[in-house]
Structures are given as structure tokens and as C-alpha cells.
Protein backbone atom coordinates (compact mmCIF):
# COMPACT_ATOMS: atom_id res chain seq x y z
CA MET A 1 0.00 0.00 0.00
CA SER A 2 1.60 3.25 -1.13
CA ALA A 3 1.74 6.21 1.24
CA ARG A 4 -0.49 8.24 -1.11
CA PHE A 5 -3.14 5.52 -1.27
CA ALA A 6 -2.98 4.92 2.49
CA GLU A 7 -3.60 8.62 3.12
CA LYS A 8 -6.67 8.64 0.86
CA LEU A 9 -7.99 5.49 2.51
CA ARG A 10 -7.49 7.08 5.91
CA ARG A 11 -9.38 10.20 4.82
CA PHE A 12 -12.18 8.02 3.47
CA ALA A 13 -12.42 6.21 6.82
CA GLU A 14 -12.50 9.54 8.66
CA VAL A 15 -15.23 10.96 6.43
CA ALA A 16 -17.27 7.76 6.79
CA VAL A 17 -17.07 7.91 10.59
CA ARG A 18 -17.44 11.64 11.19
CA VAL A 19 -19.81 12.63 8.34
CA GLY A 20 -21.41 9.40 7.10
CA VAL A 21 -22.17 7.81 10.46
CA GLY A 22 -21.96 11.07 12.37
CA LEU A 23 -20.51 9.13 15.29
CA GLN A 24 -21.09 10.83 18.63
CA PRO A 25 -18.45 11.02 21.40
CA GLY A 26 -18.87 8.01 23.66
CA GLN A 27 -21.14 6.19 21.20
CA LYS A 28 -20.52 2.55 20.32
CA LEU A 29 -20.25 1.48 16.68
CA TYR A 30 -21.25 -1.74 14.88
CA VAL A 31 -19.41 -2.33 11.59
CA ASN A 32 -20.65 -4.93 9.09
CA ALA A 33 -18.13 -5.42 6.29
CA ASN A 34 -17.15 -7.66 3.42
CA ILE A 35 -13.83 -9.37 4.20
CA GLU A 36 -12.51 -7.85 0.96
CA ALA A 37 -12.75 -4.48 2.71
CA LEU A 38 -10.53 -5.45 5.65
CA PRO A 39 -7.85 -2.73 5.15
CA LEU A 40 -10.54 -0.02 5.12
CA THR A 41 -12.38 -1.68 8.02
CA ARG A 42 -9.23 -1.52 10.16
CA MET A 43 -8.86 2.19 9.46
CA VAL A 44 -12.56 2.79 10.19
CA VAL A 45 -12.15 1.14 13.59
CA GLU A 46 -9.14 3.34 14.36
CA GLU A 47 -10.95 6.51 13.26
CA ALA A 48 -13.98 5.55 15.34
CA TYR A 49 -11.88 5.27 18.47
CA LYS A 50 -10.19 8.58 17.61
CA ALA A 51 -13.66 10.12 17.35
CA GLY A 52 -14.40 8.99 20.91
CA SER A 53 -16.18 5.66 20.49
CA ARG A 54 -16.17 3.51 23.63
CA LEU A 55 -16.43 0.23 21.73
CA VAL A 56 -16.35 -0.83 18.07
CA VAL A 57 -17.76 -4.23 17.16
CA THR A 58 -17.05 -5.71 13.72
CA GLN A 59 -18.79 -8.48 11.80
CA LEU A 60 -17.09 -9.69 8.61
CA TYR A 61 -18.73 -11.73 5.85
CA ASP A 62 -17.25 -13.61 2.89
CA GLU A 63 -19.26 -14.10 -0.31
CA GLN A 64 -17.32 -17.26 -1.14
CA LEU A 65 -18.91 -18.87 1.89
CA THR A 66 -22.32 -17.89 0.54
CA LEU A 67 -21.42 -19.40 -2.83
CA ALA A 68 -20.39 -22.64 -1.08
CA ARG A 69 -23.91 -22.91 0.32
CA TYR A 70 -25.48 -22.72 -3.13
CA ARG A 71 -23.10 -25.34 -4.44
CA HIS A 72 -23.23 -27.87 -1.64
CA ALA A 73 -26.02 -27.25 0.92
CA PRO A 74 -29.20 -29.37 0.88
CA ARG A 75 -31.81 -27.84 -1.40
CA ASP A 76 -34.42 -28.04 1.34
CA SER A 77 -32.30 -25.89 3.69
CA PHE A 78 -32.64 -22.52 1.94
CA GLN A 79 -35.53 -21.37 4.10
CA GLU A 80 -33.40 -21.65 7.22
CA TYR A 81 -31.83 -18.54 8.71
CA ALA A 82 -29.60 -17.69 11.68
CA ALA A 83 -32.20 -15.53 13.39
CA PHE A 84 -29.97 -14.98 16.42
CA LEU A 85 -27.84 -12.66 14.28
CA VAL A 86 -30.82 -10.36 13.79
CA ASP A 87 -31.55 -10.50 17.51
CA ALA A 88 -27.97 -9.37 18.19
CA ARG A 89 -28.32 -6.45 15.79
CA LEU A 90 -31.61 -5.38 17.32
CA LYS A 91 -30.03 -5.50 20.77
CA ALA A 92 -27.19 -3.33 19.48
CA LEU A 93 -29.74 -0.73 18.35
CA ASP A 94 -31.43 -0.91 21.75
CA GLU A 95 -28.05 -0.19 23.34
CA GLY A 96 -27.49 2.88 21.15
CA TYR A 97 -24.89 1.57 18.71
CA ALA A 98 -24.34 3.49 15.48
CA TRP A 99 -24.21 1.33 12.32
CA LEU A 100 -21.82 1.25 9.36
CA SER A 101 -21.96 -1.17 6.41
CA ILE A 102 -19.01 -1.56 4.03
CA VAL A 103 -20.01 -3.27 0.78
CA SER A 104 -17.44 -4.76 -1.56
CA ASP A 105 -19.53 -7.41 -3.27
CA ASP A 106 -19.05 -9.27 -6.53
CA PRO A 107 -22.16 -8.25 -8.54
CA GLU A 108 -22.20 -11.66 -10.26
CA ILE A 109 -21.27 -13.94 -7.38
CA LEU A 110 -24.39 -16.08 -7.88
CA ARG A 111 -24.42 -16.08 -11.66
CA GLY A 112 -25.41 -19.54 -12.87
CA GLN A 113 -26.90 -20.62 -9.55
CA ASP A 114 -30.46 -21.94 -9.29
CA PRO A 115 -32.89 -18.96 -9.39
CA GLU A 116 -35.34 -20.86 -7.17
CA LEU A 117 -32.74 -21.23 -4.43
CA ILE A 118 -31.85 -17.55 -4.79
CA ARG A 119 -35.54 -16.71 -4.39
CA LEU A 120 -35.94 -18.85 -1.28
CA ALA A 121 -32.78 -17.55 0.38
CA SER A 122 -33.43 -13.88 -0.40
CA GLN A 123 -37.05 -13.99 0.72
CA THR A 124 -36.10 -15.83 3.92
CA ALA A 125 -33.37 -13.31 4.69
CA ALA A 126 -35.73 -10.40 3.98
CA ARG A 127 -38.43 -11.83 6.23
CA PHE A 128 -36.12 -12.42 9.20
CA SER A 129 -34.21 -9.16 8.72
CA LYS A 130 -37.26 -6.90 8.31
CA PRO A 131 -37.48 -5.83 12.00
CA PHE A 132 -33.88 -4.64 11.81
CA SER A 133 -34.07 -3.07 8.34
CA ASP A 134 -37.25 -1.22 9.32
CA ARG A 135 -35.54 0.28 12.35
CA ILE A 136 -32.42 1.25 10.39
CA SER A 137 -34.40 2.90 7.57
CA GLY A 138 -36.51 4.58 10.25
CA PHE A 139 -33.36 6.19 11.70
CA ALA A 140 -33.50 4.35 15.03
CA THR A 141 -29.79 5.21 15.10
CA ASN A 142 -27.26 7.09 13.01
CA TRP A 143 -26.04 4.90 10.15
CA CYS A 144 -24.21 4.83 6.82
CA ILE A 145 -23.30 2.56 3.89
CA ILE A 146 -20.04 2.96 1.97
CA GLY A 147 -18.20 0.89 -0.65
CA ALA A 148 -14.72 -0.63 -0.92
CA ALA A 149 -13.03 -1.87 -4.08
CA SER A 150 -12.47 -5.61 -4.58
CA LEU A 151 -10.89 -7.76 -7.29
CA ARG A 152 -14.07 -9.24 -8.80
CA TRP A 153 -16.04 -6.01 -8.61
CA ALA A 154 -13.20 -4.01 -10.17
CA ALA A 155 -12.83 -6.54 -12.99
CA LEU A 156 -16.47 -6.00 -13.95
CA VAL A 157 -16.20 -2.18 -13.89
CA PHE A 158 -12.87 -2.04 -15.80
CA PRO A 159 -12.79 -5.17 -17.98
CA GLY A 160 -10.32 -3.70 -20.46
CA GLU A 161 -7.67 -2.78 -17.91
CA PRO A 162 -4.75 -4.98 -16.79
CA PRO A 163 -5.75 -6.86 -13.60
CA GLU A 164 -3.22 -5.00 -11.45
CA GLN A 165 -4.77 -1.67 -12.43
CA GLN A 166 -8.46 -2.57 -12.10
CA VAL A 167 -8.64 -2.31 -8.30
CA GLU A 168 -6.59 0.88 -8.27
CA ARG A 169 -8.91 2.53 -10.78
CA LEU A 170 -12.03 1.49 -8.85
CA TRP A 171 -10.58 2.91 -5.64
CA GLU A 172 -9.82 6.20 -7.38
CA ALA A 173 -13.39 6.32 -8.69
CA ILE A 174 -14.80 5.64 -5.21
CA PHE A 175 -12.60 8.36 -3.69
CA ALA A 176 -13.69 10.86 -6.35
CA VAL A 177 -17.45 10.36 -6.08
CA SER A 178 -17.18 10.24 -2.28
CA ARG A 179 -15.40 13.64 -2.33
CA VAL A 180 -12.36 12.18 -0.56
CA ASP A 181 -9.97 13.63 -3.16
CA GLN A 182 -11.03 17.20 -2.37
CA ALA A 183 -8.89 19.48 -0.19
CA ASP A 184 -11.30 19.32 2.74
CA PRO A 185 -13.69 16.35 2.31
CA VAL A 186 -15.65 17.13 5.47
CA ALA A 187 -16.31 20.71 4.35
CA ALA A 188 -17.17 19.52 0.84
CA TRP A 189 -19.79 17.16 2.27
CA MET A 190 -21.30 19.92 4.39
CA VAL A 191 -21.73 22.14 1.30
CA HIS A 192 -23.13 19.26 -0.74
CA THR A 193 -25.72 18.20 1.84
CA GLU A 194 -26.80 21.83 2.29
CA ASN A 195 -27.42 22.06 -1.48
CA LEU A 196 -29.53 18.89 -1.37
CA GLU A 197 -31.46 20.29 1.58
CA ARG A 198 -32.32 23.42 -0.40
CA ARG A 199 -33.67 21.24 -3.22
CA VAL A 200 -35.71 19.26 -0.69
CA GLN A 201 -37.23 22.46 0.71
CA GLN A 202 -38.15 23.68 -2.78
CA LEU A 203 -39.93 20.42 -3.62
CA ASN A 204 -41.71 20.23 -0.28
CA ALA A 205 -43.01 23.75 -0.85
CA ARG A 206 -44.54 22.81 -4.21
CA ARG A 207 -46.75 19.97 -2.82
CA TYR A 208 -47.01 18.19 -6.17
CA ALA A 209 -49.73 15.59 -6.61
CA ALA A 210 -47.67 13.54 -9.08
CA LEU A 211 -44.53 13.34 -11.20
CA ARG A 212 -44.46 12.48 -14.89
CA PHE A 213 -41.41 10.89 -16.53
CA ARG A 214 -41.02 10.94 -20.33
CA GLY A 215 -38.12 9.48 -22.26
CA PRO A 216 -37.21 6.58 -24.56
CA ASP A 217 -39.62 3.68 -23.86
CA THR A 218 -40.90 5.59 -20.82
CA ASP A 219 -44.11 7.45 -20.15
CA LEU A 220 -44.82 7.09 -16.46
CA ARG A 221 -47.04 9.04 -14.09
CA VAL A 222 -46.17 8.56 -10.41
CA GLY A 223 -48.82 9.84 -8.01
CA LEU A 224 -47.42 11.00 -4.68
CA ALA A 225 -48.68 9.90 -1.26
CA GLU A 226 -50.88 12.16 0.82
CA GLY A 227 -48.64 14.06 3.21
CA HIS A 228 -45.49 13.00 1.35
CA LEU A 229 -42.19 14.62 2.29
CA TRP A 230 -39.05 14.94 0.20
CA ALA A 231 -35.71 13.98 1.74
CA GLY A 232 -32.09 13.79 0.65
CA GLY A 233 -28.50 14.20 1.78
CA ALA A 234 -28.14 14.18 5.54
CA GLY A 235 -30.76 12.86 7.94
CA ARG A 236 -31.41 13.24 11.65
CA ALA A 237 -31.51 10.02 13.66
CA GLN A 238 -33.88 9.56 16.59
CA ASN A 239 -30.93 10.11 18.93
CA GLY A 240 -30.37 13.54 17.40
CA ALA A 241 -27.21 12.65 15.49
CA ARG A 242 -26.81 13.97 11.94
CA CYS A 243 -25.72 11.31 9.45
CA VAL A 244 -25.45 10.72 5.69
CA PRO A 245 -26.95 7.22 5.24
CA ASN A 246 -25.58 6.67 1.72
CA MET A 247 -22.10 7.82 0.78
CA PRO A 248 -22.10 8.87 -2.04
CA THR A 249 -25.53 10.44 -2.40
CA GLU A 250 -26.89 12.77 -5.08
CA GLU A 251 -30.63 12.10 -4.83
CA VAL A 252 -33.74 13.72 -3.44
CA PHE A 253 -36.57 11.25 -2.92
CA THR A 254 -40.11 10.84 -1.65
CA THR A 255 -43.04 8.43 -1.29
CA PRO A 256 -45.23 7.49 -4.27
CA HIS A 257 -48.88 6.64 -3.77
CA ARG A 258 -49.11 2.86 -3.93
CA GLU A 259 -52.30 2.94 -6.06
CA ARG A 260 -51.57 5.92 -8.35
CA VAL A 261 -48.80 4.84 -10.69
CA GLU A 262 -49.63 4.43 -14.38
CA GLY A 263 -47.71 3.74 -17.58
CA TRP A 264 -44.56 2.19 -18.99
CA VAL A 265 -40.99 2.62 -17.78
CA ARG A 266 -37.68 1.14 -18.90
CA SER A 267 -34.44 0.81 -16.92
CA THR A 268 -31.46 2.81 -18.16
CA LYS A 269 -28.76 0.90 -16.26
CA PRO A 270 -28.28 -2.74 -15.23
CA LEU A 271 -29.42 -3.75 -11.76
CA SER A 272 -27.22 -5.95 -9.57
CA LEU A 273 -29.62 -8.12 -7.59
CA HIS A 274 -28.99 -11.22 -5.49
CA GLY A 275 -25.64 -11.87 -7.15
CA ASN A 276 -27.02 -11.51 -10.68
CA LEU A 277 -27.29 -8.71 -13.23
CA LEU A 278 -30.70 -7.71 -14.60
CA GLU A 279 -30.64 -5.70 -17.83
CA GLY A 280 -33.28 -4.06 -20.01
CA ILE A 281 -36.04 -4.08 -17.39
CA ARG A 282 -39.36 -2.81 -18.78
CA VAL A 283 -42.58 -2.78 -16.77
CA ARG A 284 -46.12 -1.45 -17.05
CA PHE A 285 -48.12 -0.16 -14.10
CA GLU A 286 -51.89 -0.04 -13.72
CA GLN A 287 -53.45 1.46 -10.60
CA GLY A 288 -50.08 1.34 -8.91
CA GLN A 289 -49.33 -2.31 -9.62
CA VAL A 290 -46.90 -3.93 -12.06
CA VAL A 291 -49.06 -5.84 -14.54
CA GLU A 292 -46.38 -6.56 -17.18
CA ALA A 293 -42.67 -7.08 -16.62
CA HIS A 294 -39.83 -7.98 -18.96
CA ALA A 295 -36.03 -8.13 -18.69
CA ASP A 296 -33.55 -8.73 -21.50
CA GLN A 297 -31.39 -10.53 -18.94
CA GLY A 298 -32.57 -11.93 -15.61
CA GLN A 299 -36.26 -12.43 -16.42
CA GLU A 300 -36.67 -15.27 -13.92
CA ILE A 301 -34.97 -13.31 -11.14
CA LEU A 302 -37.21 -10.31 -11.89
CA GLN A 303 -40.34 -12.46 -11.75
CA HIS A 304 -39.30 -13.99 -8.44
CA LEU A 305 -38.72 -10.49 -7.08
CA LEU A 306 -42.19 -9.33 -8.09
CA ASP A 307 -43.73 -12.41 -6.48
CA THR A 308 -42.10 -11.76 -3.09
CA ASP A 309 -45.34 -10.35 -1.65
CA GLU A 310 -48.22 -8.06 -2.62
CA GLY A 311 -46.19 -4.91 -2.00
CA ALA A 312 -43.33 -6.03 -4.25
CA ARG A 313 -45.31 -5.01 -7.36
CA ARG A 314 -45.82 -1.45 -6.09
CA LEU A 315 -43.50 1.51 -5.63
CA GLY A 316 -42.07 2.61 -2.30
CA GLU A 317 -39.77 5.38 -3.52
CA VAL A 318 -39.24 7.79 -6.40
CA ALA A 319 -35.98 9.74 -6.59
CA LEU A 320 -34.64 12.54 -8.77
CA VAL A 321 -30.94 12.76 -9.68
CA PRO A 322 -29.43 15.12 -12.27
CA HIS A 323 -27.60 13.51 -15.17
CA SER A 324 -24.60 15.74 -14.37
CA SER A 325 -24.06 14.10 -10.96
CA PRO A 326 -20.43 13.10 -10.26
CA ILE A 327 -21.29 9.41 -10.63
CA SER A 328 -22.91 9.95 -14.02
CA SER A 329 -20.18 12.33 -15.13
CA SER A 330 -17.55 9.69 -14.37
CA GLY A 331 -18.95 7.70 -17.29
CA LEU A 332 -18.68 4.52 -15.22
CA LEU A 333 -21.23 1.82 -14.62
CA PHE A 334 -20.47 0.61 -11.09
CA TYR A 335 -22.79 -2.42 -11.07
CA GLU A 336 -23.57 -1.52 -7.45
CA THR A 337 -26.82 0.20 -6.54
CA LEU A 338 -25.20 2.38 -3.87
CA TYR A 339 -23.34 4.13 -6.71
CA ASP A 340 -25.47 3.65 -9.81
CA GLU A 341 -28.67 4.93 -8.18
CA ASN A 342 -26.85 8.23 -7.67
CA ALA A 343 -26.12 8.49 -11.38
CA ALA A 344 -29.76 8.60 -12.47
CA SER A 345 -33.30 9.23 -11.33
CA HIS A 346 -34.80 5.99 -10.09
CA ILE A 347 -37.77 4.21 -8.60
CA ALA A 348 -37.89 1.46 -5.99
CA LEU A 349 -40.21 -1.51 -5.80
CA GLY A 350 -41.29 -2.38 -2.27
CA ALA A 351 -41.34 -0.67 1.10
CA SER A 352 -41.66 3.08 1.65
CA TYR A 353 -39.58 5.12 4.08
CA ASP A 354 -41.24 6.55 7.20
CA GLU A 355 -39.14 9.72 6.92
CA CYS A 356 -40.90 10.55 3.63
CA LEU A 357 -44.36 10.79 5.18
CA GLN A 358 -45.58 13.46 7.58
CA GLY A 359 -45.52 11.91 11.06
CA GLY A 360 -44.44 8.64 9.47
CA HIS A 361 -42.52 7.35 12.49
CA ASP A 362 -45.66 7.59 14.63
CA LEU A 363 -48.25 6.21 12.18
CA THR A 364 -49.63 2.68 12.26
CA LEU A 365 -49.25 0.46 9.21
CA GLU A 366 -52.93 1.03 8.40
CA GLN A 367 -52.53 4.81 8.60
CA LYS A 368 -49.49 4.69 6.31
CA ARG A 369 -51.37 2.60 3.76
CA ALA A 370 -54.31 5.01 3.92
CA ALA A 371 -51.93 7.84 2.99
CA GLY A 372 -50.64 5.77 0.07
CA ALA A 373 -47.37 4.38 1.49
CA ASN A 374 -46.36 0.84 0.57
CA ASP A 375 -45.12 -2.06 2.69
CA SER A 376 -43.08 -5.06 1.56
CA LEU A 377 -40.20 -7.32 2.52
CA ILE A 378 -38.15 -5.73 -0.27
CA HIS A 379 -36.90 -2.30 -1.31
CA ILE A 380 -35.15 -2.53 -4.68
CA ASP A 381 -33.98 0.62 -6.49
CA TRP A 382 -33.53 0.61 -10.25
CA MET A 383 -32.47 3.39 -12.54
CA ILE A 384 -34.75 5.06 -15.09
CA GLY A 385 -33.12 8.47 -15.63
CA SER A 386 -30.84 9.56 -18.47
CA GLU A 387 -29.81 12.59 -20.50
CA TYR A 388 -33.02 12.07 -22.50
CA MET A 389 -35.44 12.08 -19.56
CA ASP A 390 -37.90 14.92 -18.93
CA VAL A 391 -39.69 15.17 -15.58
CA ASP A 392 -42.71 17.33 -14.76
CA GLY A 393 -44.27 18.06 -11.40
CA ILE A 394 -48.06 17.83 -11.59
CA THR A 395 -49.90 20.25 -9.30
CA PRO A 396 -53.14 19.30 -7.49
CA THR A 397 -55.04 21.23 -10.19
CA GLY A 398 -53.37 19.23 -12.98
CA LEU A 399 -50.88 21.85 -14.13
CA ALA A 400 -47.58 20.41 -15.37
CA GLU A 401 -44.47 22.30 -14.22
CA PRO A 402 -41.04 21.39 -15.67
CA LEU A 403 -38.68 19.93 -13.07
CA MET A 404 -36.07 18.33 -15.33
CA ARG A 405 -35.25 18.63 -18.98
CA LYS A 406 -32.84 16.22 -20.64
CA GLY A 407 -31.94 14.91 -17.21
CA GLU A 408 -31.05 18.29 -15.65
CA TRP A 409 -32.85 20.47 -13.10
CA VAL A 410 -34.89 23.38 -14.42
CA ASP A 411 -34.14 26.31 -12.11
């Protein structure tokens, strides 16, 4: 590890701890990381203690061990789950731990494996993990997700480069879009999140009834939930800590109405899902529900996803991202939703976020549904924006106001 690279990695760890997680003095930290990210994980632990953490707990996972299960485990065992791990995570939240995830996954780790086993395992994991994922997305604590380069991931992003340069180039891309290569990354993130907050305030003031997306193979009207709120950038956890849940982030997002989505939409980037790549997704909505769905690659995986539960065929999020975002401007396809969703406007099948509904944290499930919010075991973002996409905000009286033209904000 060169001194220059080590310094950038250290700065990335510091930004993740102090800005991403927003770790508070004396607060404990739980780190869940891919074993491929071990060098970064070690630096994160050091930076957390420097920031005043009393205890940092790490949990490492290895995708090769997951692959071994698909190759050798009994087929009738894929609905089993180590529920005690979820119990431990819930207890950590109860004890006030902050949470950091470091993803470094091979987007095609399960390519060629039985789609039925993938369906069983993913649905089982989603069902058991839902109490924890609901609390994390509901800001029960301050939390963040970041990425770390790995050999297999880098080879997919830079297939034409010599192997020894692929990981280096992916790291440099991660540093750039995470603002780590700027003179003062912490200050840069403060400016960026303030800009996103201004956009959020503008959209909340407009109180649109719907959004309309028009582009190649897309004409989609997304009704917005009653009492919807826009969010983006930094968030405030229930303990009062300010955190940036996704690093990088370029989006502003809100809650669609689960019954008021109509029309056709086509994906503009591949989706990495359950160790497989889905490409050329095209779906049609009627009264909020997907009634037709096609994928040029990954059709069976897509169908299994839609069949997860009733809410899996409805939208839980709609997000706006300018085509000129740093991720899009890089010209790279990351094959990782954390990055690619911040290159383009997107929608998400599945569960809504409580933060995007007025009083959402205090509403019952029935009250949320009455407002139009959706509930599901899944929340899967996929990209629909491009330099050809126009977006209008539709007022309650039916007036269309231009929000984006050719993928850029209209100011």
C-alpha cells in the first residue's frame, strides 16, 4: 500500500465515521463489512476510536462462503436462517450503537446458480431481517453505507484494464465520487448536503400531486402519497445525530402513492440483484401495480422479485438525480446500486420510508397505507433516468411544471 493511497484510505475512513455515520463522542459502533474491505475496516475502527467511540464491534462476511452454500447445501435448507444474528443487531440498536456497512460485493457472485434457491434464500433473509431493516431505515440510530473496491467487482467495472490496475482505478473512482480527493472532504460534504437540503425544501413547498417521466420507452405518471415529504442528503436520527446514510448520495426522494402509478418505464442501467445482473427491465403499471414485466437478462430473477409479496409489485420510492451528478459524469457503470442509483433518477419496488411521510414514524401500518405508502419485505432501487429524460411536477389542479429537462434540473 503506497503512502499516497494509504492517506486517501485514511481520509475516506474519517469521512465515513465523522460525516457518514456522524458518530457521537462516547457512542458505540457496529461495523458490518465484506472481508474484501478489511484494510478499510481496520482504518474505520481506528478513526472511530479517535472520534471517541467507547467500543467498536465488527462483523465480517465472505461471499465465497455464501457461494459454497449454493453449491453444496441441501436444497431443502434454503428457508433456514440464523435468526440470532438479527436479535444481536436489534439489541445493538437498543443499546445505542451506530451502524456502518461496508459493501465490496461481486455483482455476479451467484451467476449460474439456481434462481429458485436464490428466491428462497433472499425472501427468507428479507423476512427475518425486516425488524432490523425497518428500524435502520426509520433512523432508530445514526447509520451509513459505503463501498470498498475488490478484485471481482473491479474486474467487472474495468474489464479492459490490466488486472493489477483494475482495483486501483475502482478505488480512485470511489474516492472521487465520495469527495475524498477534495482538499477538505468534510467541508465539501457539508456544502453538498446543504445544497440537497435546499432542493428538498423547494420540492416540499410545491406539494405536487404527481410526477411524470417521459423518455425513450418511458411514459410514467407517479402519483405521490398524501402528506409525502421529500428527503435527501443528511438525515437526523432519533438520537439527534446527523448522518449521511448513503455515501455517495446525489438524490432527493419521496413516497409514491401505492395505487396511483400508471404507464410504462424502462431501466437505463443494469441492476445488480442477489448476485445476478438484470438488464433491459421494462414494466407497465396499472393502478399502482406492475401488470407486465420484462427483462432482457434476468427475467426469472425479476419475476421472483415481483412475487415476493403483494407490495413487491408497487413503488415505495421515487428519486430525482441530475444527469450531471459526479457518478454519471464519471462515465462509469459501477454495477452496485449504492453508486449507480446516484447516477440517475430511479424508482424502488417495495417498502416506503417513514421519513418521507408526515408523522411517518408515529403512524400505524394502516394509517401509512391510507396515505398511500407501501409495505413489503423488499426495497429494490432501479435506474430510469438519463440525459433524454424529462420530468414534470403535476400540481393538485393538474398543471404540469417542468422539473427536469434532458436529465437536468430546471431552475
